[in-house]
Amino acid sequence: MLGIWRSEMERIWNRRSTLLLYTIFLLMVIANIVSLKINGTMKFRFGEGIATVNNLNLPWLMMSEISLFLILALLPILYVDQLSGDIHSGAYRLYVLRPYRRFQFWLGKLFALSVTTIVFTGTALLIGILAGWTIFPRSLTFFKYGSAEASTSLDAMSYTLVFYLVLTLVCLAKLMLSSAVCLFISRPLFSFISILFISMFIYPFYKPLVMLIDPFQQIMLALRVDGSIRFWMCLIVIILICSTISFVRWQKKTI
């Protein structure tokens, strides 16, 4: 099983498309940090006001726009390229000849993509922390999202880490959705369009599902008391249902 994971990790990062997407992501992070440094403040996109950027809140404030592009386009493109791309090209016909159970190949693929997702979000976290403490004003307090009460610097680390943990879980939910769709629609372009359509179609029925398109506000609300139960229910249900569909379909799919 470990050998499958290593093989999949090598295949993912040996592709030019992965390196290109990672480079685009890095450039977006850097560009957003530079913009926040120049302006000194950030205006929330949903009318919550304006926040002064400092070393304590930069790592999560900078993800307001970046998380939108990350989960709407960059990661789904990566997932579709690795899942639908291999199925459509017939590459998996060679993989299943190795002496492993069939589900182990799909599990290894998804695990490798999960680790790759963590690389993306972890890189943003690292850059945000380094940039915050080197080029932004230092502060002893900061305001959590939607709070009028100042929090101490000791709270900043845990708040930031929890934000990135939840962001990663939302990205993994998008991975599970992508894995289910890709097994029914093998052409990469059609798979991507279908994933985008499904993500946009379902959220009007239940507001927290907007996390599959624009997760920033929903994550921020989930870190507060209000709305957290609905958010976590949606997240868990998506992961469970989509992962079940994905593995059942993989076991039955003719390749």
Protein backbone atom coordinates (compact mmCIF):
# COMPACT_ATOMS: atom_id res chain seq x y z
CA MET A 1 0.00 0.00 0.00
CA LEU A 2 2.83 2.38 0.84
CA GLY A 3 4.44 1.57 -2.49
CA ILE A 4 1.25 2.58 -4.32
CA TRP A 5 1.14 5.88 -2.47
CA ARG A 6 4.77 6.66 -3.28
CA SER A 7 4.21 5.78 -6.91
CA GLU A 8 1.16 8.03 -7.11
CA MET A 9 2.98 10.91 -5.41
CA GLU A 10 5.77 10.65 -7.97
CA ARG A 11 3.29 10.56 -10.83
CA ILE A 12 1.40 13.59 -9.51
CA TRP A 13 4.47 15.78 -9.02
CA ASN A 14 6.23 14.64 -12.18
CA ARG A 15 3.44 16.11 -14.29
CA ARG A 16 3.96 19.60 -15.63
CA SER A 17 0.31 20.41 -14.98
CA THR A 18 0.78 19.91 -11.23
CA LEU A 19 3.88 22.09 -11.14
CA LEU A 20 2.09 24.74 -13.18
CA LEU A 21 -0.91 24.79 -10.85
CA TYR A 22 1.37 24.93 -7.81
CA THR A 23 3.32 27.82 -9.34
CA ILE A 24 0.11 29.72 -10.11
CA PHE A 25 -1.00 29.16 -6.52
CA LEU A 26 2.28 30.49 -5.14
CA LEU A 27 2.09 33.57 -7.37
CA MET A 28 -1.47 34.23 -6.19
CA VAL A 29 -0.42 33.99 -2.55
CA ILE A 30 2.55 36.32 -3.05
CA ALA A 31 0.52 38.81 -5.11
CA ASN A 32 -2.20 38.94 -2.48
CA ILE A 33 0.33 39.49 0.31
CA VAL A 34 1.95 42.33 -1.63
CA SER A 35 -1.46 43.91 -2.21
CA LEU A 36 -2.32 43.70 1.50
CA LYS A 37 1.05 45.19 2.40
CA ILE A 38 0.49 48.14 0.08
CA ASN A 39 -3.07 48.80 1.28
CA GLY A 40 -2.53 47.96 4.93
CA THR A 41 -6.17 46.92 5.25
CA MET A 42 -8.53 44.32 3.80
CA LYS A 43 -12.18 44.84 2.98
CA PHE A 44 -14.32 41.77 3.58
CA ARG A 45 -16.29 40.70 0.50
CA PHE A 46 -19.61 40.19 2.27
CA GLY A 47 -20.00 43.58 3.92
CA GLU A 48 -18.44 42.75 7.27
CA GLY A 49 -16.28 45.86 7.24
CA ILE A 50 -12.55 46.52 6.94
CA ALA A 51 -9.76 44.85 8.91
CA THR A 52 -6.30 46.26 9.56
CA VAL A 53 -3.73 43.66 8.52
CA ASN A 54 -0.98 42.71 10.94
CA ASN A 55 1.29 39.76 11.66
CA LEU A 56 -1.39 37.96 13.68
CA ASN A 57 -4.25 37.98 11.18
CA LEU A 58 -2.43 37.97 7.82
CA PRO A 59 -2.21 34.14 7.47
CA TRP A 60 -6.00 33.76 7.38
CA LEU A 61 -7.07 37.16 6.03
CA MET A 62 -5.01 36.62 2.88
CA MET A 63 -7.01 33.47 2.08
CA SER A 64 -10.28 35.34 1.51
CA GLU A 65 -9.87 35.47 -2.28
CA ILE A 66 -7.25 32.74 -2.62
CA SER A 67 -9.46 30.05 -1.07
CA LEU A 68 -12.12 30.90 -3.65
CA PHE A 69 -9.82 30.23 -6.61
CA LEU A 70 -8.20 27.27 -4.84
CA ILE A 71 -11.39 25.28 -4.34
CA LEU A 72 -13.27 26.56 -7.39
CA ALA A 73 -10.58 25.99 -10.02
CA LEU A 74 -7.02 25.07 -9.05
CA LEU A 75 -7.64 21.94 -6.99
CA PRO A 76 -10.53 20.60 -9.15
CA ILE A 77 -8.29 20.94 -12.22
CA LEU A 78 -5.61 18.97 -10.40
CA TYR A 79 -8.09 16.32 -9.25
CA VAL A 80 -9.67 15.92 -12.68
CA ASP A 81 -6.28 15.70 -14.36
CA GLN A 82 -5.19 12.89 -12.04
CA LEU A 83 -8.49 11.00 -11.85
CA SER A 84 -10.41 11.45 -15.09
CA GLY A 85 -7.20 11.89 -17.02
CA ASP A 86 -5.85 8.48 -16.03
CA ILE A 87 -9.18 6.73 -16.55
CA HIS A 88 -9.85 8.35 -19.93
CA SER A 89 -6.34 7.62 -21.20
CA GLY A 90 -6.58 3.99 -20.05
CA ALA A 91 -3.48 4.30 -17.85
CA TYR A 92 -5.16 2.44 -15.00
CA ARG A 93 -5.37 -0.70 -17.10
CA LEU A 94 -1.65 -1.08 -16.48
CA TYR A 95 -1.84 -0.26 -12.77
CA VAL A 96 -4.43 -2.89 -11.88
CA LEU A 97 -2.17 -5.62 -13.26
CA ARG A 98 0.02 -5.30 -10.18
CA PRO A 99 -0.60 -7.74 -7.28
CA TYR A 100 -2.83 -5.47 -5.18
CA ARG A 101 -6.52 -5.41 -4.48
CA ARG A 102 -8.43 -3.11 -6.74
CA PHE A 103 -9.63 -0.71 -4.05
CA GLN A 104 -6.03 -0.20 -2.88
CA PHE A 105 -5.15 1.57 -6.11
CA TRP A 106 -8.01 4.03 -5.77
CA LEU A 107 -7.29 4.53 -2.07
CA GLY A 108 -3.62 5.16 -2.83
CA LYS A 109 -4.55 7.68 -5.51
CA LEU A 110 -6.91 9.58 -3.23
CA PHE A 111 -4.42 9.50 -0.37
CA ALA A 112 -1.71 10.91 -2.63
CA LEU A 113 -4.06 13.69 -3.77
CA SER A 114 -4.95 14.37 -0.14
CA VAL A 115 -1.28 14.81 0.75
CA THR A 116 -0.85 17.05 -2.30
CA THR A 117 -3.78 19.15 -1.08
CA ILE A 118 -2.08 19.49 2.29
CA VAL A 119 1.07 20.67 0.49
CA PHE A 120 -0.95 23.46 -1.14
CA THR A 121 -2.64 24.66 2.04
CA GLY A 122 0.47 24.09 4.16
CA THR A 123 2.55 26.20 1.80
CA ALA A 124 0.06 29.06 2.10
CA LEU A 125 0.16 28.79 5.89
CA LEU A 126 3.97 28.84 5.99
CA ILE A 127 4.25 31.80 3.62
CA GLY A 128 1.56 33.70 5.52
CA ILE A 129 3.29 33.22 8.87
CA LEU A 130 6.72 34.19 7.51
CA ALA A 131 5.38 37.24 5.67
CA GLY A 132 3.36 38.33 8.69
CA TRP A 133 6.33 38.32 11.02
CA THR A 134 8.80 39.88 8.58
CA ILE A 135 7.05 42.58 6.53
CA PHE A 136 3.81 43.41 8.38
CA PRO A 137 3.29 45.53 11.50
CA ARG A 138 3.48 43.57 14.71
CA SER A 139 0.56 43.64 17.09
CA LEU A 140 -0.26 42.19 20.50
CA THR A 141 -3.96 41.79 19.71
CA PHE A 142 -6.22 40.98 16.77
CA PHE A 143 -9.94 40.65 16.10
CA LYS A 144 -11.41 37.32 15.18
CA TYR A 145 -13.91 37.23 12.34
CA GLY A 146 -17.20 38.82 13.44
CA SER A 147 -15.94 39.66 16.92
CA ALA A 148 -15.67 43.12 18.49
CA GLU A 149 -13.54 41.83 21.34
CA ALA A 150 -9.77 41.85 20.91
CA SER A 151 -7.95 38.53 21.21
CA THR A 152 -4.41 38.07 22.41
CA SER A 153 -1.42 36.94 20.38
CA LEU A 154 -1.60 33.56 22.12
CA ASP A 155 -4.97 32.95 20.47
CA ALA A 156 -3.63 33.84 17.01
CA MET A 157 -1.67 30.62 16.51
CA SER A 158 -4.51 28.27 17.44
CA TYR A 159 -7.05 30.32 15.47
CA THR A 160 -4.87 30.27 12.36
CA LEU A 161 -4.07 26.56 12.62
CA VAL A 162 -7.74 25.66 13.06
CA PHE A 163 -8.66 27.81 10.05
CA TYR A 164 -6.17 25.99 7.82
CA LEU A 165 -7.22 22.61 9.19
CA VAL A 166 -10.86 23.30 8.34
CA LEU A 167 -9.88 24.71 4.93
CA THR A 168 -7.98 21.50 4.20
CA LEU A 169 -11.00 19.40 5.20
CA VAL A 170 -13.21 21.42 2.85
CA CYS A 171 -10.68 20.84 0.06
CA LEU A 172 -10.77 17.11 0.81
CA ALA A 173 -14.56 17.19 0.60
CA LYS A 174 -14.14 18.69 -2.88
CA LEU A 175 -11.69 15.88 -3.66
CA MET A 176 -14.25 13.26 -2.67
CA LEU A 177 -16.90 14.96 -4.80
CA SER A 178 -14.46 15.07 -7.71
CA SER A 179 -13.55 11.40 -7.31
CA ALA A 180 -17.21 10.38 -7.49
CA VAL A 181 -17.91 12.52 -10.57
CA CYS A 182 -14.76 11.44 -12.41
CA LEU A 183 -15.77 7.78 -12.23
CA PHE A 184 -19.02 8.54 -14.06
CA ILE A 185 -17.61 11.11 -16.50
CA SER A 186 -14.15 10.17 -17.71
CA ARG A 187 -13.44 13.07 -20.07
CA PRO A 188 -11.47 15.62 -17.99
CA LEU A 189 -13.12 18.76 -19.42
CA PHE A 190 -16.63 17.39 -18.98
CA SER A 191 -15.74 16.18 -15.49
CA PHE A 192 -14.54 19.64 -14.47
CA ILE A 193 -17.67 21.31 -15.86
CA SER A 194 -19.87 18.77 -14.07
CA ILE A 195 -18.08 19.30 -10.75
CA LEU A 196 -18.46 23.06 -11.14
CA PHE A 197 -22.15 22.71 -12.04
CA ILE A 198 -22.90 20.39 -9.12
CA SER A 199 -21.11 22.70 -6.67
CA MET A 200 -23.09 25.70 -7.91
CA PHE A 201 -26.40 23.82 -8.12
CA ILE A 202 -26.62 22.37 -4.61
CA TYR A 203 -25.68 25.31 -2.40
CA PRO A 204 -28.90 27.37 -2.95
CA PHE A 205 -30.78 24.52 -1.25
CA TYR A 206 -28.60 24.68 1.85
CA LYS A 207 -26.41 27.71 2.49
CA PRO A 208 -23.37 26.01 4.13
CA LEU A 209 -22.83 24.04 0.91
CA VAL A 210 -21.46 27.23 -0.62
CA MET A 211 -18.20 26.01 0.97
CA LEU A 212 -17.69 23.94 -2.20
CA ILE A 213 -17.37 27.18 -4.18
CA ASP A 214 -16.31 29.92 -1.79
CA PRO A 215 -15.34 28.50 1.61
CA PHE A 216 -13.84 31.51 3.40
CA GLN A 217 -16.92 33.01 5.04
CA GLN A 218 -18.42 29.62 5.92
CA ILE A 219 -15.17 28.56 7.60
CA MET A 220 -15.02 31.81 9.53
CA LEU A 221 -18.61 31.36 10.68
CA ALA A 222 -17.90 27.74 11.62
CA LEU A 223 -15.12 28.90 13.92
CA ARG A 224 -17.77 30.82 15.84
CA VAL A 225 -20.61 29.25 17.80
CA ASP A 226 -23.39 30.21 15.37
CA GLY A 227 -23.74 28.06 12.27
CA SER A 228 -21.02 25.59 13.19
CA ILE A 229 -23.33 22.56 13.56
CA ARG A 230 -24.82 22.97 10.08
CA PHE A 231 -21.37 23.48 8.60
CA TRP A 232 -19.90 20.35 10.16
CA MET A 233 -22.95 18.29 9.25
CA CYS A 234 -22.62 19.33 5.60
CA LEU A 235 -18.90 18.67 5.56
CA ILE A 236 -19.18 15.20 7.11
CA VAL A 237 -22.14 14.17 4.94
CA ILE A 238 -20.38 15.26 1.72
CA ILE A 239 -17.22 13.33 2.59
CA LEU A 240 -19.11 10.19 3.63
CA ILE A 241 -21.56 10.08 0.72
CA CYS A 242 -19.08 11.00 -2.01
CA SER A 243 -16.36 8.66 -0.73
CA THR A 244 -18.87 5.79 -0.58
CA ILE A 245 -20.06 6.46 -4.13
CA SER A 246 -16.47 6.76 -5.30
CA PHE A 247 -15.28 3.43 -3.88
CA VAL A 248 -18.41 1.50 -4.87
CA ARG A 249 -18.25 2.86 -8.40
CA TRP A 250 -14.53 2.10 -8.66
CA GLN A 251 -15.07 -1.51 -7.64
CA LYS A 252 -17.76 -1.96 -10.31
CA LYS A 253 -16.26 0.14 -13.10
CA THR A 254 -14.90 -1.64 -16.15
CA ILE A 255 -11.53 -0.24 -17.15
